[in-house]
Amino acid sequence: MKTYAFIDSQNLNLGVRSLGWKLDWRKFRQYLRNKYNVTDTFLFIGYNSTKINE
């Protein structure tokens, strides 16, 4: 059985930073794999194309 993780990177990043931490993405991915048997991880980032040309 496949287990997927869908991660909102902005919320995760801001939450981690508010605690004064820096997230090691590789270790975080390994943690998800070991603890929750996550087979595939999808990271969503905010993208606003209207801000590119400003």
C-alpha atoms as a PDB file:
ATOM      1  CA  MET A   1       0.000   0.000   0.000  1.00  0.00           C
ATOM      2  CA  LYS A   2       1.239   3.484  -0.871  1.00  0.00           C
ATOM      3  CA  THR A   3       1.104   6.299   1.639  1.00  0.00           C
ATOM      4  CA  TYR A   4       1.303   9.860   0.397  1.00  0.00           C
ATOM      5  CA  ALA A   5       2.212  13.047   2.279  1.00  0.00           C
ATOM      6  CA  PHE A   6       0.976  16.378   0.923  1.00  0.00           C
ATOM      7  CA  ILE A   7       2.869  19.210   2.605  1.00  0.00           C
ATOM      8  CA  ASP A   8       2.096  22.928   2.588  1.00  0.00           C
ATOM      9  CA  SER A   9       5.668  24.196   2.659  1.00  0.00           C
ATOM     10  CA  GLN A  10       4.785  27.784   3.582  1.00  0.00           C
ATOM     11  CA  ASN A  11       2.922  26.807   6.762  1.00  0.00           C
ATOM     12  CA  LEU A  12       5.527  24.239   7.728  1.00  0.00           C
ATOM     13  CA  ASN A  13       8.401  26.636   7.101  1.00  0.00           C
ATOM     14  CA  LEU A  14       6.811  29.531   9.026  1.00  0.00           C
ATOM     15  CA  GLY A  15       5.875  27.253  11.923  1.00  0.00           C
ATOM     16  CA  VAL A  16       9.375  25.851  12.191  1.00  0.00           C
ATOM     17  CA  ARG A  17      10.974  29.304  11.930  1.00  0.00           C
ATOM     18  CA  SER A  18       8.653  30.713  14.611  1.00  0.00           C
ATOM     19  CA  LEU A  19      10.190  28.159  16.982  1.00  0.00           C
ATOM     20  CA  GLY A  20      13.678  29.326  16.027  1.00  0.00           C
ATOM     21  CA  TRP A  21      14.463  26.080  14.219  1.00  0.00           C
ATOM     22  CA  LYS A  22      15.712  25.295  10.748  1.00  0.00           C
ATOM     23  CA  LEU A  23      14.184  22.278   9.021  1.00  0.00           C
ATOM     24  CA  ASP A  24      16.469  19.693   7.468  1.00  0.00           C
ATOM     25  CA  TRP A  25      14.247  18.580   4.580  1.00  0.00           C
ATOM     26  CA  ARG A  26      16.151  15.351   3.992  1.00  0.00           C
ATOM     27  CA  LYS A  27      15.822  14.288   7.630  1.00  0.00           C
ATOM     28  CA  PHE A  28      12.158  15.329   7.629  1.00  0.00           C
ATOM     29  CA  ARG A  29      11.513  13.115   4.594  1.00  0.00           C
ATOM     30  CA  GLN A  30      13.301  10.219   6.294  1.00  0.00           C
ATOM     31  CA  TYR A  31      11.215  10.782   9.442  1.00  0.00           C
ATOM     32  CA  LEU A  32       8.002  10.571   7.399  1.00  0.00           C
ATOM     33  CA  ARG A  33       9.220   7.385   5.759  1.00  0.00           C
ATOM     34  CA  ASN A  34      10.230   5.710   9.024  1.00  0.00           C
ATOM     35  CA  LYS A  35       7.397   6.880  11.290  1.00  0.00           C
ATOM     36  CA  TYR A  36       4.418   6.849   8.885  1.00  0.00           C
ATOM     37  CA  ASN A  37       5.628   4.623   6.029  1.00  0.00           C
ATOM     38  CA  VAL A  38       5.231   7.503   3.563  1.00  0.00           C
ATOM     39  CA  THR A  39       6.153   6.324   0.086  1.00  0.00           C
ATOM     40  CA  ASP A  40       5.660   9.575  -1.843  1.00  0.00           C
ATOM     41  CA  THR A  41       5.857  13.170  -0.657  1.00  0.00           C
ATOM     42  CA  PHE A  42       4.464  16.196  -2.459  1.00  0.00           C
ATOM     43  CA  LEU A  43       5.574  19.664  -1.415  1.00  0.00           C
ATOM     44  CA  PHE A  44       3.309  22.561  -2.344  1.00  0.00           C
ATOM     45  CA  ILE A  45       4.741  26.052  -2.598  1.00  0.00           C
ATOM     46  CA  GLY A  46       2.994  29.354  -3.115  1.00  0.00           C
ATOM     47  CA  TYR A  47       3.447  30.786  -6.576  1.00  0.00           C
ATOM     48  CA  ASN A  48       1.971  34.051  -7.724  1.00  0.00           C
ATOM     49  CA  SER A  49       2.806  34.777 -11.362  1.00  0.00           C
ATOM     50  CA  THR A  50       1.588  38.390 -11.085  1.00  0.00           C
ATOM     51  CA  LYS A  51       4.420  39.190  -8.653  1.00  0.00           C
ATOM     52  CA  ILE A  52       7.140  38.054 -11.114  1.00  0.00           C
ATOM     53  CA  ASN A  53       6.954  41.128 -13.357  1.00  0.00           C
ATOM     54  CA  GLU A  54       6.672  43.743 -10.608  1.00  0.00           C
END
